Amino acid sequence: MKFWKYHALGNDYIVMDPRELPAPLTTEQVKTICHRNFGVGSDGILLGPLPSTTAKCALKIYNPDGSIAEKSGNGVRIFSRYLWDIKFVGNDEFALQTDGGIVRSTVFAGGKMARVEMGKVSFDSEKIPVTGAKREVINEKISVGGREFTYCAATIGNPHCVVVGRVTPCAPGDASETTARAERRALPEISEAMAREFGPLLEVHPNFPRKTNVQFLKVLDRANIQIEIWERGAGYTLASGSSSSASAAVAHRLGLVDKSVAVHCPGGIIQIEIGDGFDILMTGSVTKVGEGVISPEIFG
């Protein structure tokens, strides 16, 4: 099994070409390959290029627990770079099919940067999904581990629970919500420890029938936010494109940031541009780590 490894701000993925595989990957093989002691080690596997009738090619995204991720912003950037490296695509924009919908991607800066049209963020409870009556899931209460949080839920092809402070909603782009108010009302104590303690509890909360990705959000000013990330099926993560997209969209929906947002993840910064109707354009770096061959011995 040949593999290529990349990271996007520390969020690392293994790319595997189905044409290089002797048989389809099993759940147990995915778990072993992604294991950081018994395998190559990664936050997931990107399988492709796969055939598509609606895009240049399709991509299947595996979490390290063997489950399927509908969409991954960092995964899409990494896979786009891989396609660029093998000359499957050039410098022009191309369409890529994921289980979470079609995205459009462009690789530039000699392969070191990728820009992705992630699609539209929705806060609709039926689309995310979130249990209960049909509604926009904005500033609702949720209790886990003996603590109550205020959260907003969103989807950009995969589900997100964004934990925020007590915020008074106002119109997107309303400058009356000052930076000082935003800083006071956002969670001041977000940390890796918080994500590791409460993230796994929120991921499997009954509110989320398909589980959820979790972000802890702090607004720095109208152009910058900070997040800590717990990914569904992957755990604590240094960076996430879909998490950055959802968090920026939530902050904008609450009137706390403008349309251009730098998302500060533990691994680095992802730039998000929010369009009309909450269409998201994401830009970030990609780094090639290396390539090699997986020995069948690890599956023994």
Protein backbone atom coordinates (compact mmCIF):
# COMPACT_ATOMS: atom_id res chain seq x y z
CA MET A 1 0.00 0.00 0.00
CA LYS A 2 1.60 3.22 -1.16
CA PHE A 3 0.82 6.40 0.78
CA TRP A 4 1.50 10.13 0.77
CA LYS A 5 1.37 12.22 3.93
CA TYR A 6 0.62 15.94 4.26
CA HIS A 7 -0.41 18.30 7.03
CA ALA A 8 -2.48 21.48 7.06
CA LEU A 9 -1.39 23.49 10.11
CA GLY A 10 -0.67 20.29 12.01
CA ASN A 11 -3.88 18.52 10.98
CA ASP A 12 -2.28 15.57 9.18
CA TYR A 13 -3.79 13.21 6.64
CA ILE A 14 -2.59 10.18 4.70
CA VAL A 15 -3.55 10.11 1.02
CA MET A 16 -4.11 6.69 -0.56
CA ASP A 17 -4.88 6.07 -4.24
CA PRO A 18 -7.43 3.27 -4.74
CA ARG A 19 -5.47 2.17 -7.81
CA GLU A 20 -2.53 1.36 -5.50
CA LEU A 21 -4.59 -0.83 -3.14
CA PRO A 22 -4.86 -4.62 -3.46
CA ALA A 23 -8.39 -4.51 -1.98
CA PRO A 24 -10.78 -1.93 -0.46
CA LEU A 25 -9.73 -0.58 2.93
CA THR A 26 -11.41 -2.13 5.96
CA THR A 27 -12.34 -0.27 9.13
CA GLU A 28 -9.65 -2.11 11.07
CA GLN A 29 -7.01 -1.25 8.48
CA VAL A 30 -7.96 2.43 8.66
CA LYS A 31 -7.64 2.36 12.45
CA THR A 32 -4.22 0.67 12.27
CA ILE A 33 -2.82 2.95 9.56
CA CYS A 34 -3.92 6.07 11.48
CA HIS A 35 -2.59 4.83 14.84
CA ARG A 36 0.38 6.93 15.92
CA ASN A 37 2.22 4.01 17.52
CA PHE A 38 1.21 0.94 15.54
CA GLY A 39 0.76 2.58 12.12
CA VAL A 40 1.86 5.58 10.08
CA GLY A 41 -0.15 7.96 12.26
CA SER A 42 -2.63 10.59 11.08
CA ASP A 43 -5.91 12.41 11.71
CA GLY A 44 -7.50 10.47 8.88
CA ILE A 45 -7.18 8.95 5.41
CA LEU A 46 -8.07 10.63 2.11
CA LEU A 47 -8.98 7.99 -0.48
CA GLY A 48 -8.94 9.12 -4.11
CA PRO A 49 -9.14 10.08 -6.85
CA LEU A 50 -12.44 8.22 -7.22
CA PRO A 51 -14.69 8.46 -10.28
CA SER A 52 -17.31 11.22 -10.39
CA THR A 53 -19.90 12.30 -12.95
CA THR A 54 -20.31 15.76 -11.41
CA ALA A 55 -16.73 16.81 -10.64
CA LYS A 56 -13.10 16.31 -11.66
CA CYS A 57 -13.03 13.39 -9.21
CA ALA A 58 -14.48 12.24 -5.91
CA LEU A 59 -12.87 11.93 -2.47
CA LYS A 60 -13.70 9.60 0.42
CA ILE A 61 -12.61 10.85 3.87
CA TYR A 62 -11.99 8.40 6.71
CA ASN A 63 -11.71 9.42 10.36
CA PRO A 64 -9.05 7.57 12.39
CA ASP A 65 -11.80 5.51 14.08
CA GLY A 66 -12.81 4.18 10.66
CA SER A 67 -15.97 6.27 10.33
CA ILE A 68 -16.67 8.47 7.31
CA ALA A 69 -16.40 12.27 7.43
CA GLU A 70 -18.75 14.02 5.00
CA LYS A 71 -16.41 16.95 4.49
CA SER A 72 -13.06 18.24 5.78
CA GLY A 73 -11.72 21.65 4.80
CA ASN A 74 -8.14 20.73 5.64
CA GLY A 75 -8.62 17.33 4.02
CA VAL A 76 -9.84 18.98 0.82
CA ARG A 77 -6.87 21.36 0.80
CA ILE A 78 -4.46 18.47 1.31
CA PHE A 79 -6.09 16.30 -1.33
CA SER A 80 -6.07 19.23 -3.76
CA ARG A 81 -2.33 19.61 -3.18
CA TYR A 82 -1.85 15.87 -3.78
CA LEU A 83 -3.76 16.09 -7.08
CA TRP A 84 -1.57 19.06 -8.01
CA ASP A 85 1.60 17.14 -7.07
CA ILE A 86 0.71 14.18 -9.32
CA LYS A 87 -0.35 16.63 -12.09
CA PHE A 88 -3.94 15.41 -12.05
CA VAL A 89 -4.88 19.11 -11.81
CA GLY A 90 -3.03 22.32 -12.61
CA ASN A 91 -3.34 25.88 -11.33
CA ASP A 92 -6.94 26.35 -12.47
CA GLU A 93 -9.95 25.91 -10.22
CA PHE A 94 -11.52 22.43 -10.26
CA ALA A 95 -14.54 20.71 -8.69
CA LEU A 96 -14.19 17.92 -6.13
CA GLN A 97 -17.02 15.67 -4.95
CA THR A 98 -17.23 14.83 -1.23
CA ASP A 99 -19.95 13.07 0.76
CA GLY A 100 -20.83 16.53 2.07
CA GLY A 101 -21.30 18.06 -1.39
CA ILE A 102 -19.30 19.54 -4.25
CA VAL A 103 -16.45 21.92 -3.40
CA ARG A 104 -14.29 23.98 -5.75
CA SER A 105 -10.57 24.23 -5.11
CA THR A 106 -7.54 26.12 -6.40
CA VAL A 107 -3.90 25.31 -5.58
CA PHE A 108 -1.38 28.16 -5.77
CA ALA A 109 1.91 29.47 -4.34
CA GLY A 110 3.83 26.50 -5.73
CA GLY A 111 1.47 24.04 -4.09
CA LYS A 112 1.89 25.48 -0.60
CA MET A 113 -1.53 27.17 -0.43
CA ALA A 114 -5.05 26.09 -1.40
CA ARG A 115 -8.30 28.03 -1.63
CA VAL A 116 -11.58 26.15 -1.34
CA GLU A 117 -15.19 27.20 -1.92
CA MET A 118 -16.60 25.21 0.99
CA GLY A 119 -20.29 25.74 0.25
CA LYS A 120 -23.02 27.33 2.33
CA VAL A 121 -23.32 27.25 6.14
CA SER A 122 -26.81 26.56 7.45
CA PHE A 123 -28.11 26.88 11.01
CA ASP A 124 -31.27 24.85 10.19
CA SER A 125 -31.86 22.14 12.80
CA GLU A 126 -33.17 19.68 10.20
CA LYS A 127 -30.14 20.04 7.95
CA ILE A 128 -27.48 19.78 10.70
CA PRO A 129 -29.29 17.74 12.25
CA VAL A 130 -30.33 18.72 15.80
CA THR A 131 -33.28 17.17 17.62
CA GLY A 132 -36.49 19.09 18.35
CA ALA A 133 -38.69 21.44 16.37
CA LYS A 134 -37.43 22.92 13.10
CA ARG A 135 -35.52 26.13 13.89
CA GLU A 136 -32.23 27.97 13.58
CA VAL A 137 -30.08 26.64 16.43
CA ILE A 138 -28.75 29.92 17.85
CA ASN A 139 -27.77 30.61 21.48
CA GLU A 140 -29.32 27.50 23.00
CA LYS A 141 -28.33 25.90 26.31
CA ILE A 142 -26.66 22.53 26.66
CA SER A 143 -25.33 20.77 29.78
CA VAL A 144 -22.52 18.22 29.90
CA GLY A 145 -20.08 17.16 32.61
CA GLY A 146 -21.80 19.29 35.26
CA ARG A 147 -21.45 22.50 33.23
CA GLU A 148 -23.90 24.51 31.15
CA PHE A 149 -22.82 26.07 27.85
CA THR A 150 -24.44 28.32 25.29
CA TYR A 151 -24.03 26.96 21.77
CA CYS A 152 -24.97 27.47 18.15
CA ALA A 153 -25.21 24.57 15.71
CA ALA A 154 -24.32 24.71 12.03
CA THR A 155 -23.61 22.53 9.03
CA ILE A 156 -21.35 23.03 6.04
CA GLY A 157 -21.93 19.48 4.85
CA ASN A 158 -20.97 18.09 8.27
CA PRO A 159 -22.39 18.98 11.73
CA HIS A 160 -20.85 21.47 14.16
CA CYS A 161 -21.58 22.58 17.72
CA VAL A 162 -19.95 25.96 18.38
CA VAL A 163 -19.75 26.81 22.08
CA VAL A 164 -19.88 30.57 22.67
CA GLY A 165 -20.34 32.96 25.57
CA ARG A 166 -23.57 34.77 26.38
CA VAL A 167 -24.07 36.97 23.34
CA THR A 168 -26.90 39.35 22.46
CA PRO A 169 -27.76 38.59 18.80
CA CYS A 170 -27.66 41.49 16.36
CA ALA A 171 -27.66 41.88 12.61
CA PRO A 172 -24.58 40.45 10.82
CA GLY A 173 -22.04 43.20 10.29
CA ASP A 174 -23.65 45.48 12.89
CA ALA A 175 -20.72 47.53 14.21
CA SER A 176 -22.62 48.44 17.39
CA GLU A 177 -21.43 45.14 18.89
CA THR A 178 -18.02 46.47 19.83
CA THR A 179 -14.82 44.51 20.18
CA ALA A 180 -14.78 45.11 23.92
CA ARG A 181 -18.27 43.62 24.34
CA ALA A 182 -17.32 40.67 22.15
CA GLU A 183 -14.22 39.95 24.21
CA ARG A 184 -16.15 40.15 27.50
CA ARG A 185 -18.94 37.90 26.31
CA ALA A 186 -16.83 35.23 24.60
CA LEU A 187 -15.40 32.35 26.59
CA PRO A 188 -12.21 33.74 28.19
CA GLU A 189 -10.89 30.37 29.29
CA ILE A 190 -10.93 28.27 26.12
CA SER A 191 -8.06 25.81 26.13
CA GLU A 192 -6.93 22.41 24.96
CA ALA A 193 -7.96 21.06 28.37
CA MET A 194 -11.50 22.38 27.89
CA ALA A 195 -11.76 20.81 24.43
CA ARG A 196 -10.46 17.48 25.71
CA GLU A 197 -12.78 17.47 28.74
CA PHE A 198 -16.06 18.62 27.22
CA GLY A 199 -15.56 17.91 23.50
CA PRO A 200 -16.11 14.14 23.71
CA LEU A 201 -19.23 14.67 25.83
CA LEU A 202 -20.73 17.18 23.41
CA GLU A 203 -19.80 15.01 20.40
CA VAL A 204 -22.19 12.25 21.51
CA HIS A 205 -24.87 14.43 23.19
CA PRO A 206 -28.43 13.24 22.38
CA ASN A 207 -29.13 16.61 20.71
CA PHE A 208 -26.98 15.45 17.79
CA PRO A 209 -28.30 12.23 16.20
CA ARG A 210 -25.30 11.96 13.86
CA LYS A 211 -22.87 13.13 16.55
CA THR A 212 -21.09 16.44 16.00
CA ASN A 213 -17.80 18.28 15.67
CA VAL A 214 -17.22 20.70 18.55
CA GLN A 215 -15.56 24.12 18.64
CA PHE A 216 -14.93 26.39 21.63
CA LEU A 217 -14.97 29.96 20.34
CA LYS A 218 -13.37 33.16 21.58
CA VAL A 219 -13.78 36.41 19.63
CA LEU A 220 -10.58 38.47 19.60
CA ASP A 221 -11.84 41.40 17.52
CA ARG A 222 -14.04 41.94 14.46
CA ALA A 223 -11.49 40.29 12.17
CA ASN A 224 -10.05 37.54 14.39
CA ILE A 225 -11.41 34.60 16.36
CA GLN A 226 -9.72 31.79 18.27
CA ILE A 227 -11.00 28.22 18.47
CA GLU A 228 -10.17 24.95 20.19
CA ILE A 229 -11.37 21.90 18.29
CA TRP A 230 -12.72 18.45 19.09
CA GLU A 231 -13.46 16.55 15.88
CA ARG A 232 -16.08 13.83 15.60
CA GLY A 233 -14.31 10.51 15.18
CA ALA A 234 -10.84 12.07 15.47
CA GLY A 235 -10.56 13.84 18.84
CA TYR A 236 -8.52 16.91 19.72
CA THR A 237 -7.26 18.56 16.53
CA LEU A 238 -4.72 21.33 15.87
CA ALA A 239 -6.63 22.82 12.93
CA SER A 240 -9.81 22.24 10.94
CA GLY A 241 -11.11 23.93 7.83
CA SER A 242 -14.76 23.00 8.32
CA SER A 243 -14.55 23.96 12.03
CA SER A 244 -13.03 27.31 11.06
CA SER A 245 -15.80 27.84 8.50
CA ALA A 246 -18.57 27.00 10.95
CA SER A 247 -17.08 29.05 13.80
CA ALA A 248 -16.55 32.14 11.63
CA ALA A 249 -20.10 31.82 10.28
CA VAL A 250 -21.53 31.57 13.81
CA ALA A 251 -19.55 34.61 14.99
CA HIS A 252 -20.78 36.55 11.94
CA ARG A 253 -24.37 35.39 12.46
CA LEU A 254 -24.17 36.74 16.02
CA GLY A 255 -22.85 40.07 14.75
CA LEU A 256 -19.47 39.71 16.45
CA VAL A 257 -17.22 39.74 13.36
CA ASP A 258 -17.21 41.11 9.84
CA LYS A 259 -17.11 39.05 6.62
CA SER A 260 -13.34 38.54 6.53
CA VAL A 261 -12.17 36.48 9.51
CA ALA A 262 -8.77 35.06 10.49
CA VAL A 263 -9.41 31.89 12.50
CA HIS A 264 -6.61 31.19 14.98
CA CYS A 265 -6.35 27.43 15.50
CA PRO A 266 -3.70 25.85 17.75
CA GLY A 267 -1.73 24.91 14.62
CA GLY A 268 -1.99 28.23 12.81
CA ILE A 269 -4.34 30.60 10.98
CA ILE A 270 -7.01 29.79 8.40
CA GLN A 271 -8.57 32.70 6.50
CA ILE A 272 -12.33 32.66 6.01
CA GLU A 273 -14.34 34.93 3.71
CA ILE A 274 -18.10 34.91 4.33
CA GLY A 275 -20.25 35.66 1.31
CA ASP A 276 -23.91 36.45 0.87
CA GLY A 277 -26.06 33.66 2.23
CA PHE A 278 -23.12 32.39 4.32
CA ASP A 279 -21.17 30.95 1.39
CA ILE A 280 -17.64 30.24 2.66
CA LEU A 281 -14.29 30.70 0.95
CA MET A 282 -11.43 29.14 2.94
CA THR A 283 -7.70 29.69 2.35
CA GLY A 284 -4.82 27.98 4.14
CA SER A 285 -1.45 26.31 3.82
CA VAL A 286 -0.54 22.72 2.96
CA THR A 287 2.79 21.01 3.69
CA LYS A 288 3.99 17.73 2.22
CA VAL A 289 5.51 15.45 4.86
CA GLY A 290 6.61 12.52 2.73
CA GLU A 291 5.59 9.29 1.02
CA GLY A 292 6.26 5.61 1.37
CA VAL A 293 4.90 2.07 1.40
CA ILE A 294 2.92 0.49 4.24
CA SER A 295 4.08 -3.00 5.16
CA PRO A 296 1.33 -5.66 5.40
CA GLU A 297 3.05 -6.78 8.59
CA ILE A 298 1.32 -4.03 10.61
CA PHE A 299 -2.05 -5.70 10.00
CA GLY A 300 -0.91 -8.92 11.64
